[in-house]
PDB file of N, CA and C in Angstrom:
ATOM      1  N   MET A   1    -226.024 132.463 206.676  1.00  0.00           N
ATOM      2  CA  MET A   1    -225.520 131.623 206.845  1.00  0.00           C
ATOM      3  C   MET A   1    -223.888 132.575 207.130  1.00  0.00           C
ATOM      4  N   PRO A   2    -223.649 132.551 208.290  1.00  0.00           N
ATOM      5  CA  PRO A   2    -222.233 133.341 208.361  1.00  0.00           C
ATOM      6  C   PRO A   2    -221.104 132.769 208.609  1.00  0.00           C
ATOM      7  N   ARG A   3    -219.890 133.095 207.716  1.00  0.00           N
ATOM      8  CA  ARG A   3    -218.749 132.743 206.987  1.00  0.00           C
ATOM      9  C   ARG A   3    -218.344 132.374 208.116  1.00  0.00           C
ATOM     10  N   SER A   4    -217.036 131.572 208.357  1.00  0.00           N
ATOM     11  CA  SER A   4    -216.220 131.204 209.240  1.00  0.00           C
ATOM     12  C   SER A   4    -215.270 132.374 209.799  1.00  0.00           C
ATOM     13  N   GLU A   5    -214.918 132.400 211.024  1.00  0.00           N
ATOM     14  CA  GLU A   5    -214.083 133.718 211.604  1.00  0.00           C
ATOM     15  C   GLU A   5    -212.509 133.099 211.027  1.00  0.00           C
ATOM     16  N   ARG A   6    -212.256 131.763 210.996  1.00  0.00           N
ATOM     17  CA  ARG A   6    -211.034 131.766 210.223  1.00  0.00           C
ATOM     18  C   ARG A   6    -211.146 131.475 209.069  1.00  0.00           C
ATOM     19  N   SER A   7    -211.975 131.860 208.173  1.00  0.00           N
ATOM     20  CA  SER A   7    -211.541 132.097 206.820  1.00  0.00           C
ATOM     21  C   SER A   7    -210.906 132.873 206.491  1.00  0.00           C
ATOM     22  N   PRO A   8    -210.701 134.590 206.956  1.00  0.00           N
ATOM     23  CA  PRO A   8    -209.483 135.162 206.525  1.00  0.00           C
ATOM     24  C   PRO A   8    -208.310 134.530 206.820  1.00  0.00           C
ATOM     25  N   LEU A   9    -208.000 133.882 208.431  1.00  0.00           N
ATOM     26  CA  LEU A   9    -206.615 133.373 208.690  1.00  0.00           C
ATOM     27  C   LEU A   9    -206.337 132.204 207.660  1.00  0.00           C
ATOM     28  N   LEU A  10    -207.228 131.364 206.791  1.00  0.00           N
ATOM     29  CA  LEU A  10    -206.848 130.558 206.073  1.00  0.00           C
ATOM     30  C   LEU A  10    -206.895 130.748 204.993  1.00  0.00           C
ATOM     31  N   LEU A  11    -207.203 131.676 204.305  1.00  0.00           N
ATOM     32  CA  LEU A  11    -207.152 132.391 203.023  1.00  0.00           C
ATOM     33  C   LEU A  11    -205.711 132.970 203.295  1.00  0.00           C
ATOM     34  N   ALA A  12    -205.611 133.383 204.252  1.00  0.00           N
ATOM     35  CA  ALA A  12    -203.874 134.089 204.744  1.00  0.00           C
ATOM     36  C   ALA A  12    -203.070 133.240 204.467  1.00  0.00           C
ATOM     37  N   GLY A  13    -203.177 131.852 204.968  1.00  0.00           N
ATOM     38  CA  GLY A  13    -202.291 130.827 204.873  1.00  0.00           C
ATOM     39  C   GLY A  13    -202.294 130.300 203.664  1.00  0.00           C
ATOM     40  N   LEU A  14    -203.202 130.187 202.857  1.00  0.00           N
ATOM     41  CA  LEU A  14    -202.930 129.581 201.482  1.00  0.00           C
ATOM     42  C   LEU A  14    -202.371 130.562 200.936  1.00  0.00           C
ATOM     43  N   LEU A  15    -202.379 132.063 200.950  1.00  0.00           N
ATOM     44  CA  LEU A  15    -201.493 132.738 200.276  1.00  0.00           C
ATOM     45  C   LEU A  15    -199.988 132.822 200.771  1.00  0.00           C
ATOM     46  N   ALA A  16    -200.045 132.697 201.988  1.00  0.00           N
ATOM     47  CA  ALA A  16    -198.424 132.368 202.312  1.00  0.00           C
ATOM     48  C   ALA A  16    -197.850 131.401 202.095  1.00  0.00           C
ATOM     49  N   SER A  17    -198.618 129.852 202.012  1.00  0.00           N
ATOM     50  CA  SER A  17    -198.002 128.659 201.413  1.00  0.00           C
ATOM     51  C   SER A  17    -197.850 129.142 199.965  1.00  0.00           C
ATOM     52  N   ALA A  18    -198.552 129.642 199.377  1.00  0.00           N
ATOM     53  CA  ALA A  18    -198.236 129.471 197.945  1.00  0.00           C
ATOM     54  C   ALA A  18    -196.686 130.445 197.715  1.00  0.00           C
ATOM     55  N   ALA A  19    -196.662 131.613 198.334  1.00  0.00           N
ATOM     56  CA  ALA A  19    -195.445 132.364 198.354  1.00  0.00           C
ATOM     57  C   ALA A  19    -194.350 131.744 198.929  1.00  0.00           C
ATOM     58  N   VAL A  20    -194.331 131.080 199.812  1.00  0.00           N
ATOM     59  CA  VAL A  20    -193.206 130.569 200.075  1.00  0.00           C
ATOM     60  C   VAL A  20    -192.940 129.301 199.212  1.00  0.00           C
ATOM     61  N   ALA A  21    -193.603 128.665 198.458  1.00  0.00           N
ATOM     62  CA  ALA A  21    -193.521 127.722 197.192  1.00  0.00           C
ATOM     63  C   ALA A  21    -193.029 128.405 196.077  1.00  0.00           C
ATOM     64  N   HIS A  22    -193.364 129.793 195.566  1.00  0.00           N
ATOM     65  CA  HIS A  22    -192.397 130.349 194.691  1.00  0.00           C
ATOM     66  C   HIS A  22    -191.108 130.834 195.295  1.00  0.00           C
ATOM     67  N   PHE A  23    -190.540 130.903 196.278  1.00  0.00           N
ATOM     68  CA  PHE A  23    -189.267 130.860 196.469  1.00  0.00           C
ATOM     69  C   PHE A  23    -188.597 129.773 196.589  1.00  0.00           C
ATOM     70  N   ALA A  24    -189.275 128.644 197.049  1.00  0.00           N
ATOM     71  CA  ALA A  24    -188.351 127.400 197.452  1.00  0.00           C
ATOM     72  C   ALA A  24    -188.494 126.521 196.091  1.00  0.00           C
ATOM     73  N   VAL A  25    -189.604 126.577 195.355  1.00  0.00           N
ATOM     74  CA  VAL A  25    -189.525 125.915 193.954  1.00  0.00           C
ATOM     75  C   VAL A  25    -189.500 126.771 192.828  1.00  0.00           C
ATOM     76  N   PRO A  26    -189.099 127.699 192.403  1.00  0.00           N
ATOM     77  CA  PRO A  26    -189.673 128.508 191.576  1.00  0.00           C
ATOM     78  C   PRO A  26    -189.843 128.133 190.275  1.00  0.00           C
ATOM     79  N   ARG A  27    -189.019 126.924 189.565  1.00  0.00           N
ATOM     80  CA  ARG A  27    -188.866 126.559 188.455  1.00  0.00           C
ATOM     81  C   ARG A  27    -190.112 126.052 187.842  1.00  0.00           C
ATOM     82  N   GLN A  28    -191.032 125.473 189.194  1.00  0.00           N
ATOM     83  CA  GLN A  28    -192.639 125.143 188.451  1.00  0.00           C
ATOM     84  C   GLN A  28    -193.722 126.542 188.079  1.00  0.00           C
ATOM     85  N   PHE A  29    -192.805 127.497 188.747  1.00  0.00           N
ATOM     86  CA  PHE A  29    -193.754 128.786 188.526  1.00  0.00           C
ATOM     87  C   PHE A  29    -193.197 129.386 187.258  1.00  0.00           C
ATOM     88  N   ASP A  30    -191.980 129.710 186.991  1.00  0.00           N
ATOM     89  CA  ASP A  30    -191.204 130.236 185.949  1.00  0.00           C
ATOM     90  C   ASP A  30    -192.218 129.501 184.548  1.00  0.00           C
ATOM     91  N   ALA A  31    -192.472 128.170 184.655  1.00  0.00           N
ATOM     92  CA  ALA A  31    -192.861 127.521 183.456  1.00  0.00           C
ATOM     93  C   ALA A  31    -194.369 128.226 183.461  1.00  0.00           C
ATOM     94  N   THR A  32    -194.990 128.933 184.138  1.00  0.00           N
ATOM     95  CA  THR A  32    -196.446 129.382 184.074  1.00  0.00           C
ATOM     96  C   THR A  32    -196.896 130.447 183.383  1.00  0.00           C
ATOM     97  N   VAL A  33    -195.601 131.477 183.544  1.00  0.00           N
ATOM     98  CA  VAL A  33    -195.559 133.008 183.250  1.00  0.00           C
ATOM     99  C   VAL A  33    -195.728 132.875 181.795  1.00  0.00           C
ATOM    100  N   PRO A  34    -196.891 133.820 181.493  1.00  0.00           N
ATOM    101  CA  PRO A  34    -196.927 133.810 180.016  1.00  0.00           C
ATOM    102  C   PRO A  34    -195.793 134.318 179.324  1.00  0.00           C
ATOM    103  N   ARG A  35    -195.406 134.024 178.274  1.00  0.00           N
ATOM    104  CA  ARG A  35    -194.375 134.459 177.388  1.00  0.00           C
ATOM    105  C   ARG A  35    -194.538 136.277 176.967  1.00  0.00           C
ATOM    106  N   VAL A  36    -195.712 136.752 176.905  1.00  0.00           N
ATOM    107  CA  VAL A  36    -195.425 137.577 176.318  1.00  0.00           C
ATOM    108  C   VAL A  36    -195.521 139.144 177.530  1.00  0.00           C
ATOM    109  N   LEU A  37    -195.110 138.313 178.982  1.00  0.00           N
ATOM    110  CA  LEU A  37    -194.637 139.379 179.584  1.00  0.00           C
ATOM    111  C   LEU A  37    -193.122 139.800 179.501  1.00  0.00           C
ATOM    112  N   PRO A  38    -192.707 140.825 179.848  1.00  0.00           N
ATOM    113  CA  PRO A  38    -191.587 141.203 179.566  1.00  0.00           C
ATOM    114  C   PRO A  38    -190.614 140.825 180.530  1.00  0.00           C
ATOM    115  N   GLY A  39    -189.297 141.043 180.335  1.00  0.00           N
ATOM    116  CA  GLY A  39    -188.404 140.674 181.289  1.00  0.00           C
ATOM    117  C   GLY A  39    -188.300 138.784 181.809  1.00  0.00           C
ATOM    118  N   SER A  40    -187.376 138.621 182.534  1.00  0.00           N
ATOM    119  CA  SER A  40    -187.308 137.001 183.175  1.00  0.00           C
ATOM    120  C   SER A  40    -188.247 136.403 183.377  1.00  0.00           C
ATOM    121  N   PRO A  41    -188.806 135.418 183.463  1.00  0.00           N
ATOM    122  CA  PRO A  41    -189.814 134.479 184.139  1.00  0.00           C
ATOM    123  C   PRO A  41    -189.638 134.619 185.808  1.00  0.00           C
ATOM    124  N   ARG A  42    -188.598 134.348 186.170  1.00  0.00           N
ATOM    125  CA  ARG A  42    -187.983 134.121 187.478  1.00  0.00           C
ATOM    126  C   ARG A  42    -188.080 135.482 188.077  1.00  0.00           C
ATOM    127  N   THR A  43    -188.041 136.437 187.788  1.00  0.00           N
ATOM    128  CA  THR A  43    -188.476 137.824 188.192  1.00  0.00           C
ATOM    129  C   THR A  43    -190.063 137.786 188.297  1.00  0.00           C
ATOM    130  N   TRP A  44    -190.623 137.141 187.777  1.00  0.00           N
ATOM    131  CA  TRP A  44    -192.386 137.380 187.787  1.00  0.00           C
ATOM    132  C   TRP A  44    -192.669 136.387 188.739  1.00  0.00           C
ATOM    133  N   THR A  45    -191.696 135.156 188.859  1.00  0.00           N
ATOM    134  CA  THR A  45    -192.063 134.807 189.917  1.00  0.00           C
ATOM    135  C   THR A  45    -191.775 135.269 191.273  1.00  0.00           C
ATOM    136  N   TYR A  46    -190.743 135.633 191.470  1.00  0.00           N
ATOM    137  CA  TYR A  46    -190.374 136.048 192.765  1.00  0.00           C
ATOM    138  C   TYR A  46    -191.162 137.366 193.161  1.00  0.00           C
ATOM    139  N   ALA A  47    -191.632 138.076 191.985  1.00  0.00           N
ATOM    140  CA  ALA A  47    -192.814 138.667 192.210  1.00  0.00           C
ATOM    141  C   ALA A  47    -193.785 139.219 192.736  1.00  0.00           C
ATOM    142  N   SER A  48    -194.209 137.666 192.137  1.00  0.00           N
ATOM    143  CA  SER A  48    -195.907 136.896 192.326  1.00  0.00           C
ATOM    144  C   SER A  48    -195.583 136.363 194.262  1.00  0.00           C
ATOM    145  N   GLY A  49    -194.625 135.840 194.627  1.00  0.00           N
ATOM    146  CA  GLY A  49    -194.513 135.604 195.834  1.00  0.00           C
ATOM    147  C   GLY A  49    -194.397 136.360 196.285  1.00  0.00           C
ATOM    148  N   VAL A  50    -193.512 137.816 196.309  1.00  0.00           N
ATOM    149  CA  VAL A  50    -193.583 139.135 197.217  1.00  0.00           C
ATOM    150  C   VAL A  50    -195.369 139.634 197.594  1.00  0.00           C
ATOM    151  N   VAL A  51    -196.187 139.678 196.516  1.00  0.00           N
ATOM    152  CA  VAL A  51    -197.094 139.834 196.265  1.00  0.00           C
ATOM    153  C   VAL A  51    -198.053 139.008 197.132  1.00  0.00           C
ATOM    154  N   GLU A  52    -197.769 138.082 196.920  1.00  0.00           N
ATOM    155  CA  GLU A  52    -198.694 136.699 197.913  1.00  0.00           C
ATOM    156  C   GLU A  52    -198.561 137.046 199.413  1.00  0.00           C
ATOM    157  N   LEU A  53    -197.023 137.217 199.444  1.00  0.00           N
ATOM    158  CA  LEU A  53    -196.955 137.579 201.258  1.00  0.00           C
ATOM    159  C   LEU A  53    -197.461 138.574 201.362  1.00  0.00           C
ATOM    160  N   ALA A  54    -197.171 139.800 200.681  1.00  0.00           N
ATOM    161  CA  ALA A  54    -198.180 141.366 201.553  1.00  0.00           C
ATOM    162  C   ALA A  54    -199.478 140.750 201.531  1.00  0.00           C
ATOM    163  N   LEU A  55    -199.914 140.299 200.536  1.00  0.00           N
ATOM    164  CA  LEU A  55    -201.488 140.034 200.832  1.00  0.00           C
ATOM    165  C   LEU A  55    -201.923 139.054 201.663  1.00  0.00           C
ATOM    166  N   ALA A  56    -201.309 137.698 201.989  1.00  0.00           N
ATOM    167  CA  ALA A  56    -201.548 137.419 203.537  1.00  0.00           C
ATOM    168  C   ALA A  56    -201.622 138.123 204.381  1.00  0.00           C
ATOM    169  N   ALA A  57    -200.424 139.195 204.519  1.00  0.00           N
ATOM    170  CA  ALA A  57    -200.008 139.769 205.754  1.00  0.00           C
ATOM    171  C   ALA A  57    -201.364 140.496 206.068  1.00  0.00           C
ATOM    172  N   GLY A  58    -201.563 141.471 204.712  1.00  0.00           N
ATOM    173  CA  GLY A  58    -203.081 142.206 204.955  1.00  0.00           C
ATOM    174  C   GLY A  58    -204.275 141.258 205.553  1.00  0.00           C
ATOM    175  N   VAL A  59    -204.360 140.317 204.775  1.00  0.00           N
ATOM    176  CA  VAL A  59    -205.766 139.395 204.810  1.00  0.00           C
ATOM    177  C   VAL A  59    -205.610 139.319 206.389  1.00  0.00           C
ATOM    178  N   ALA A  60    -204.325 138.890 206.888  1.00  0.00           N
ATOM    179  CA  ALA A  60    -204.574 138.363 208.272  1.00  0.00           C
ATOM    180  C   ALA A  60    -204.753 139.496 209.232  1.00  0.00           C
ATOM    181  N   VAL A  61    -204.474 140.543 209.138  1.00  0.00           N
ATOM    182  CA  VAL A  61    -204.800 141.719 209.956  1.00  0.00           C
ATOM    183  C   VAL A  61    -205.986 142.421 210.011  1.00  0.00           C
ATOM    184  N   PRO A  62    -206.931 142.175 211.000  1.00  0.00           N
ATOM    185  CA  PRO A  62    -208.457 142.877 210.697  1.00  0.00           C
ATOM    186  C   PRO A  62    -208.358 144.401 210.236  1.00  0.00           C
ATOM    187  N   ARG A  63    -207.388 144.997 210.365  1.00  0.00           N
ATOM    188  CA  ARG A  63    -207.694 146.631 209.992  1.00  0.00           C
ATOM    189  C   ARG A  63    -207.567 146.670 208.873  1.00  0.00           C
ATOM    190  N   THR A  64    -206.562 146.038 208.154  1.00  0.00           N
ATOM    191  CA  THR A  64    -206.093 145.649 206.616  1.00  0.00           C
ATOM    192  C   THR A  64    -206.769 144.920 205.735  1.00  0.00           C
ATOM    193  N   ARG A  65    -207.669 143.679 206.425  1.00  0.00           N
ATOM    194  CA  ARG A  65    -208.116 142.926 205.822  1.00  0.00           C
ATOM    195  C   ARG A  65    -209.169 143.245 204.564  1.00  0.00           C
ATOM    196  N   ARG A  66    -210.195 144.322 204.651  1.00  0.00           N
ATOM    197  CA  ARG A  66    -211.062 144.536 203.446  1.00  0.00           C
ATOM    198  C   ARG A  66    -210.171 144.689 202.179  1.00  0.00           C
ATOM    199  N   VAL A  67    -209.383 145.960 202.332  1.00  0.00           N
ATOM    200  CA  VAL A  67    -208.879 146.481 201.445  1.00  0.00           C
ATOM    201  C   VAL A  67    -207.843 145.051 200.824  1.00  0.00           C
ATOM    202  N   ALA A  68    -207.167 144.575 201.617  1.00  0.00           N
ATOM    203  CA  ALA A  68    -205.902 143.423 201.322  1.00  0.00           C
ATOM    204  C   ALA A  68    -207.199 142.266 200.863  1.00  0.00           C
ATOM    205  N   ALA A  69    -208.458 141.851 201.260  1.00  0.00           N
ATOM    206  CA  ALA A  69    -209.019 141.118 200.454  1.00  0.00           C
ATOM    207  C   ALA A  69    -209.830 141.202 198.880  1.00  0.00           C
ATOM    208  N   LEU A  70    -209.724 142.642 198.990  1.00  0.00           N
ATOM    209  CA  LEU A  70    -210.113 143.107 197.066  1.00  0.00           C
ATOM    210  C   LEU A  70    -209.137 143.054 196.650  1.00  0.00           C
ATOM    211  N   ALA A  71    -207.925 143.202 196.927  1.00  0.00           N
ATOM    212  CA  ALA A  71    -206.602 143.395 195.850  1.00  0.00           C
ATOM    213  C   ALA A  71    -206.347 141.666 196.030  1.00  0.00           C
ATOM    214  N   THR A  72    -206.521 140.846 196.749  1.00  0.00           N
ATOM    215  CA  THR A  72    -206.597 139.264 196.268  1.00  0.00           C
ATOM    216  C   THR A  72    -207.311 138.676 195.660  1.00  0.00           C
ATOM    217  N   THR A  73    -208.754 139.341 195.439  1.00  0.00           N
ATOM    218  CA  THR A  73    -209.713 139.150 194.706  1.00  0.00           C
ATOM    219  C   THR A  73    -208.730 139.389 193.185  1.00  0.00           C
ATOM    220  N   ALA A  74    -208.584 140.833 193.014  1.00  0.00           N
ATOM    221  CA  ALA A  74    -207.979 141.238 192.002  1.00  0.00           C
ATOM    222  C   ALA A  74    -206.702 140.176 191.216  1.00  0.00           C
ATOM    223  N   PHE A  75    -206.137 139.761 192.360  1.00  0.00           N
ATOM    224  CA  PHE A  75    -204.953 139.387 192.155  1.00  0.00           C
ATOM    225  C   PHE A  75    -204.872 137.628 191.582  1.00  0.00           C
ATOM    226  N   PHE A  76    -206.047 137.337 192.270  1.00  0.00           N
ATOM    227  CA  PHE A  76    -206.264 135.535 191.521  1.00  0.00           C
ATOM    228  C   PHE A  76    -207.209 135.895 190.267  1.00  0.00           C
ATOM    229  N   VAL A  77    -207.967 137.139 189.862  1.00  0.00           N
ATOM    230  CA  VAL A  77    -208.197 137.001 188.494  1.00  0.00           C
ATOM    231  C   VAL A  77    -207.020 137.669 187.669  1.00  0.00           C
ATOM    232  N   GLY A  78    -205.815 138.138 188.274  1.00  0.00           N
ATOM    233  CA  GLY A  78    -204.864 138.579 187.346  1.00  0.00           C
ATOM    234  C   GLY A  78    -203.995 137.432 186.781  1.00  0.00           C
ATOM    235  N   VAL A  79    -203.858 136.173 187.959  1.00  0.00           N
ATOM    236  CA  VAL A  79    -203.014 135.171 187.421  1.00  0.00           C
ATOM    237  C   VAL A  79    -203.703 134.307 187.125  1.00  0.00           C
ATOM    238  N   PHE A  80    -205.034 134.411 186.760  1.00  0.00           N
ATOM    239  CA  PHE A  80    -205.641 133.804 185.444  1.00  0.00           C
ATOM    240  C   PHE A  80    -204.771 133.280 184.107  1.00  0.00           C
ATOM    241  N   PRO A  81    -204.346 134.316 183.584  1.00  0.00           N
ATOM    242  CA  PRO A  81    -203.690 134.062 182.253  1.00  0.00           C
ATOM    243  C   PRO A  81    -202.403 133.156 182.380  1.00  0.00           C
ATOM    244  N   ALA A  82    -201.714 132.857 183.598  1.00  0.00           N
ATOM    245  CA  ALA A  82    -200.638 131.642 183.890  1.00  0.00           C
ATOM    246  C   ALA A  82    -201.124 130.633 183.736  1.00  0.00           C
ATOM    247  N   ASN A  83    -202.577 130.714 184.543  1.00  0.00           N
ATOM    248  CA  ASN A  83    -203.191 129.082 184.536  1.00  0.00           C
ATOM    249  C   ASN A  83    -203.625 128.569 183.097  1.00  0.00           C
ATOM    250  N   VAL A  84    -204.300 129.493 182.314  1.00  0.00           N
ATOM    251  CA  VAL A  84    -204.463 129.107 180.957  1.00  0.00           C
ATOM    252  C   VAL A  84    -203.154 129.050 180.018  1.00  0.00           C
ATOM    253  N   GLN A  85    -201.919 129.474 180.170  1.00  0.00           N
ATOM    254  CA  GLN A  85    -200.537 129.520 179.695  1.00  0.00           C
ATOM    255  C   GLN A  85    -200.401 128.063 179.907  1.00  0.00           C
ATOM    256  N   MET A  86    -200.325 127.664 181.200  1.00  0.00           N
ATOM    257  CA  MET A  86    -199.886 126.040 181.937  1.00  0.00           C
ATOM    258  C   MET A  86    -200.795 125.265 180.993  1.00  0.00           C
ATOM    259  N   ALA A  87    -201.890 125.184 181.021  1.00  0.00           N
ATOM    260  CA  ALA A  87    -203.046 124.328 180.060  1.00  0.00           C
ATOM    261  C   ALA A  87    -202.447 124.340 179.038  1.00  0.00           C
ATOM    262  N   VAL A  88    -202.296 125.370 178.053  1.00  0.00           N
ATOM    263  CA  VAL A  88    -201.923 125.259 176.885  1.00  0.00           C
ATOM    264  C   VAL A  88    -200.208 124.799 176.556  1.00  0.00           C
ATOM    265  N   ASP A  89    -199.431 125.122 177.632  1.00  0.00           N
ATOM    266  CA  ASP A  89    -198.251 124.499 177.646  1.00  0.00           C
ATOM    267  C   ASP A  89    -198.165 122.829 177.691  1.00  0.00           C
ATOM    268  N   TRP A  90    -199.061 122.522 178.781  1.00  0.00           N
ATOM    269  CA  TRP A  90    -198.902 121.431 179.136  1.00  0.00           C
ATOM    270  C   TRP A  90    -199.636 120.430 178.237  1.00  0.00           C
ATOM    271  N   ARG A  91    -200.556 120.988 177.475  1.00  0.00           N
ATOM    272  CA  ARG A  91    -201.817 119.922 176.771  1.00  0.00           C
ATOM    273  C   ARG A  91    -200.933 118.796 175.738  1.00  0.00           C
ATOM    274  N   HIS A  92    -199.570 118.290 175.845  1.00  0.00           N
ATOM    275  CA  HIS A  92    -199.303 117.145 175.244  1.00  0.00           C
ATOM    276  C   HIS A  92    -198.365 116.799 176.413  1.00  0.00           C
ATOM    277  N   ARG A  93    -198.596 116.994 177.244  1.00  0.00           N
ATOM    278  CA  ARG A  93    -197.729 116.224 178.832  1.00  0.00           C
ATOM    279  C   ARG A  93    -198.711 114.743 179.033  1.00  0.00           C
ATOM    280  N   PRO A  94    -197.995 114.020 179.828  1.00  0.00           N
ATOM    281  CA  PRO A  94    -198.835 112.652 179.904  1.00  0.00           C
ATOM    282  C   PRO A  94    -199.953 113.179 181.241  1.00  0.00           C
ATOM    283  N   ALA A  95    -200.847 112.351 180.750  1.00  0.00           N
ATOM    284  CA  ALA A  95    -202.264 112.764 181.364  1.00  0.00           C
ATOM    285  C   ALA A  95    -202.560 113.311 182.646  1.00  0.00           C
ATOM    286  N   PRO A  96    -201.630 112.634 183.572  1.00  0.00           N
ATOM    287  CA  PRO A  96    -202.176 113.446 185.216  1.00  0.00           C
ATOM    288  C   PRO A  96    -201.735 114.909 184.906  1.00  0.00           C
ATOM    289  N   GLN A  97    -200.331 115.454 184.259  1.00  0.00           N
ATOM    290  CA  GLN A  97    -200.090 116.548 184.300  1.00  0.00           C
ATOM    291  C   GLN A  97    -200.998 117.364 183.498  1.00  0.00           C
ATOM    292  N   LYS A  98    -201.115 116.917 182.588  1.00  0.00           N
ATOM    293  CA  LYS A  98    -202.571 117.573 181.697  1.00  0.00           C
ATOM    294  C   LYS A  98    -203.556 117.657 182.543  1.00  0.00           C
ATOM    295  N   ALA A  99    -204.031 116.750 183.277  1.00  0.00           N
ATOM    296  CA  ALA A  99    -205.215 116.817 183.872  1.00  0.00           C
ATOM    297  C   ALA A  99    -205.118 117.968 184.999  1.00  0.00           C
ATOM    298  N   ALA A 100    -203.804 117.863 185.624  1.00  0.00           N
ATOM    299  CA  ALA A 100    -203.302 119.171 186.768  1.00  0.00           C
ATOM    300  C   ALA A 100    -203.635 120.435 186.378  1.00  0.00           C
ATOM    301  N   ALA A 101    -203.088 120.623 185.011  1.00  0.00           N
ATOM    302  CA  ALA A 101    -203.083 121.913 184.549  1.00  0.00           C
ATOM    303  C   ALA A 101    -204.608 122.708 184.200  1.00  0.00           C
ATOM    304  N   LEU A 102    -205.347 121.478 183.449  1.00  0.00           N
ATOM    305  CA  LEU A 102    -206.390 121.660 183.131  1.00  0.00           C
ATOM    306  C   LEU A 102    -207.654 121.831 184.538  1.00  0.00           C
ATOM    307  N   ALA A 103    -207.401 120.959 185.614  1.00  0.00           N
ATOM    308  CA  ALA A 103    -207.948 121.536 186.764  1.00  0.00           C
ATOM    309  C   ALA A 103    -208.094 122.697 187.569  1.00  0.00           C
ATOM    310  N   ARG A 104    -206.950 123.362 187.198  1.00  0.00           N
ATOM    311  CA  ARG A 104    -206.400 124.780 188.073  1.00  0.00           C
ATOM    312  C   ARG A 104    -207.267 125.951 187.508  1.00  0.00           C
ATOM    313  N   LEU A 105    -207.921 125.923 186.182  1.00  0.00           N
ATOM    314  CA  LEU A 105    -208.954 126.737 185.611  1.00  0.00           C
ATOM    315  C   LEU A 105    -210.100 126.798 186.205  1.00  0.00           C
ATOM    316  N   PRO A 106    -210.956 125.824 186.627  1.00  0.00           N
ATOM    317  CA  PRO A 106    -212.094 126.009 187.523  1.00  0.00           C
ATOM    318  C   PRO A 106    -211.980 126.394 188.856  1.00  0.00           C
ATOM    319  N   LEU A 107    -210.538 125.927 189.143  1.00  0.00           N
ATOM    320  CA  LEU A 107    -210.736 126.252 190.489  1.00  0.00           C
ATOM    321  C   LEU A 107    -209.985 127.514 191.088  1.00  0.00           C
ATOM    322  N   GLN A 108    -210.041 128.440 190.059  1.00  0.00           N
ATOM    323  CA  GLN A 108    -209.585 129.923 190.157  1.00  0.00           C
ATOM    324  C   GLN A 108    -210.962 130.873 190.628  1.00  0.00           C
ATOM    325  N   VAL A 109    -212.059 129.967 189.918  1.00  0.00           N
ATOM    326  CA  VAL A 109    -213.221 130.539 190.454  1.00  0.00           C
ATOM    327  C   VAL A 109    -213.687 130.816 191.845  1.00  0.00           C
ATOM    328  N   PRO A 110    -213.541 129.427 192.825  1.00  0.00           N
ATOM    329  CA  PRO A 110    -213.631 129.734 194.117  1.00  0.00           C
ATOM    330  C   PRO A 110    -212.925 130.345 194.954  1.00  0.00           C
ATOM    331  N   LEU A 111    -211.647 130.877 194.392  1.00  0.00           N
ATOM    332  CA  LEU A 111    -210.510 131.246 195.044  1.00  0.00           C
ATOM    333  C   LEU A 111    -210.897 132.715 194.632  1.00  0.00           C
ATOM    334  N   VAL A 112    -211.342 133.044 194.018  1.00  0.00           N
ATOM    335  CA  VAL A 112    -211.848 134.424 193.783  1.00  0.00           C
ATOM    336  C   VAL A 112    -212.966 134.851 194.499  1.00  0.00           C
ATOM    337  N   LEU A 113    -213.899 133.995 194.675  1.00  0.00           N
ATOM    338  CA  LEU A 113    -214.951 134.221 195.505  1.00  0.00           C
ATOM    339  C   LEU A 113    -215.019 134.376 197.178  1.00  0.00           C
ATOM    340  N   TRP A 114    -213.648 133.117 197.223  1.00  0.00           N
ATOM    341  CA  TRP A 114    -213.430 133.312 198.779  1.00  0.00           C
ATOM    342  C   TRP A 114    -213.054 134.664 199.032  1.00  0.00           C
ATOM    343  N   ALA A 115    -212.011 135.078 198.348  1.00  0.00           N
ATOM    344  CA  ALA A 115    -211.403 136.523 198.649  1.00  0.00           C
ATOM    345  C   ALA A 115    -212.376 137.679 198.678  1.00  0.00           C
ATOM    346  N   ARG A 116    -213.386 137.718 197.809  1.00  0.00           N
ATOM    347  CA  ARG A 116    -214.250 138.589 197.697  1.00  0.00           C
ATOM    348  C   ARG A 116    -215.308 138.422 198.871  1.00  0.00           C
ATOM    349  N   GLY A 117    -215.663 137.456 199.590  1.00  0.00           N
ATOM    350  CA  GLY A 117    -216.344 136.958 200.475  1.00  0.00           C
ATOM    351  C   GLY A 117    -215.861 137.661 201.967  1.00  0.00           C
ATOM    352  N   VAL A 118    -214.411 137.443 202.083  1.00  0.00           N
ATOM    353  CA  VAL A 118    -213.687 137.749 203.112  1.00  0.00           C
ATOM    354  C   VAL A 118    -213.339 139.095 202.889  1.00  0.00           C
ATOM    355  N   ALA A 119    -213.562 139.941 201.819  1.00  0.00           N
ATOM    356  CA  ALA A 119    -213.635 141.344 201.650  1.00  0.00           C
ATOM    357  C   ALA A 119    -215.020 141.903 202.143  1.00  0.00           C
ATOM    358  N   ARG A 120    -215.765 141.222 201.912  1.00  0.00           N
ATOM    359  CA  ARG A 120    -217.198 141.563 202.451  1.00  0.00           C
ATOM    360  C   ARG A 120    -217.515 141.509 203.723  1.00  0.00           C
ATOM    361  N   ASP A 121    -217.306 140.607 204.447  1.00  0.00           N
ATOM    362  CA  ASP A 121    -217.396 140.342 205.678  1.00  0.00           C
ATOM    363  C   ASP A 121    -216.412 140.981 206.471  1.00  0.00           C
ATOM    364  N   ALA A 122    -215.434 141.692 205.849  1.00  0.00           N
ATOM    365  CA  ALA A 122    -214.458 142.067 206.936  1.00  0.00           C
ATOM    366  C   ALA A 122    -215.130 143.732 207.312  1.00  0.00           C
ATOM    367  N   VAL A 123    -214.858 144.067 208.467  1.00  0.00           N
ATOM    368  CA  VAL A 123    -215.370 144.921 209.155  1.00  0.00           C
ATOM    369  C   VAL A 123    -214.314 146.560 208.558  1.00  0.00           C
ATOM    370  N   ARG A 124    -215.189 147.203 208.231  1.00  0.00           N
ATOM    371  CA  ARG A 124    -214.616 148.363 207.815  1.00  0.00           C
ATOM    372  C   ARG A 124    -214.143 149.643 209.367  1.00  0.00           C
ATOM    373  N   VAL A 125    -212.836 149.491 209.202  1.00  0.00           N
ATOM    374  CA  VAL A 125    -212.211 150.080 210.165  1.00  0.00           C
ATOM    375  C   VAL A 125    -211.707 151.788 209.693  1.00  0.00           C
ATOM    376  N   ARG A 126    -212.365 152.216 210.275  1.00  0.00           N
ATOM    377  CA  ARG A 126    -211.540 153.816 210.103  1.00  0.00           C
ATOM    378  C   ARG A 126    -210.654 154.215 210.767  1.00  0.00           C
TER     379      ARG A 126
END
């Protein structure tokens, strides 16, 4: 079954939206930065937003789509520890917040598979 031709642009839109959120409401992202990382959580929040903007641009452009989608796959795997940290930190919060933090964990899998699929379907440009 062929994937939607819009799939890469939807992925780029998701990445761009997440990037904007990192700058618009950084506090919620600061709380997910694993404490083992050096430096300020805000620095990591902003850096993650910049990376997401770059990935969004790369996925949106057919010439860079394959490489950017592979990088997006790695990025989604790489931010999983932040989702785990959030679930651990929020385990004593009210049920809706706790449920949201826990729901993020399995949702990372379809994101990884989506990005990998976009990379696989991208036309190799020489």
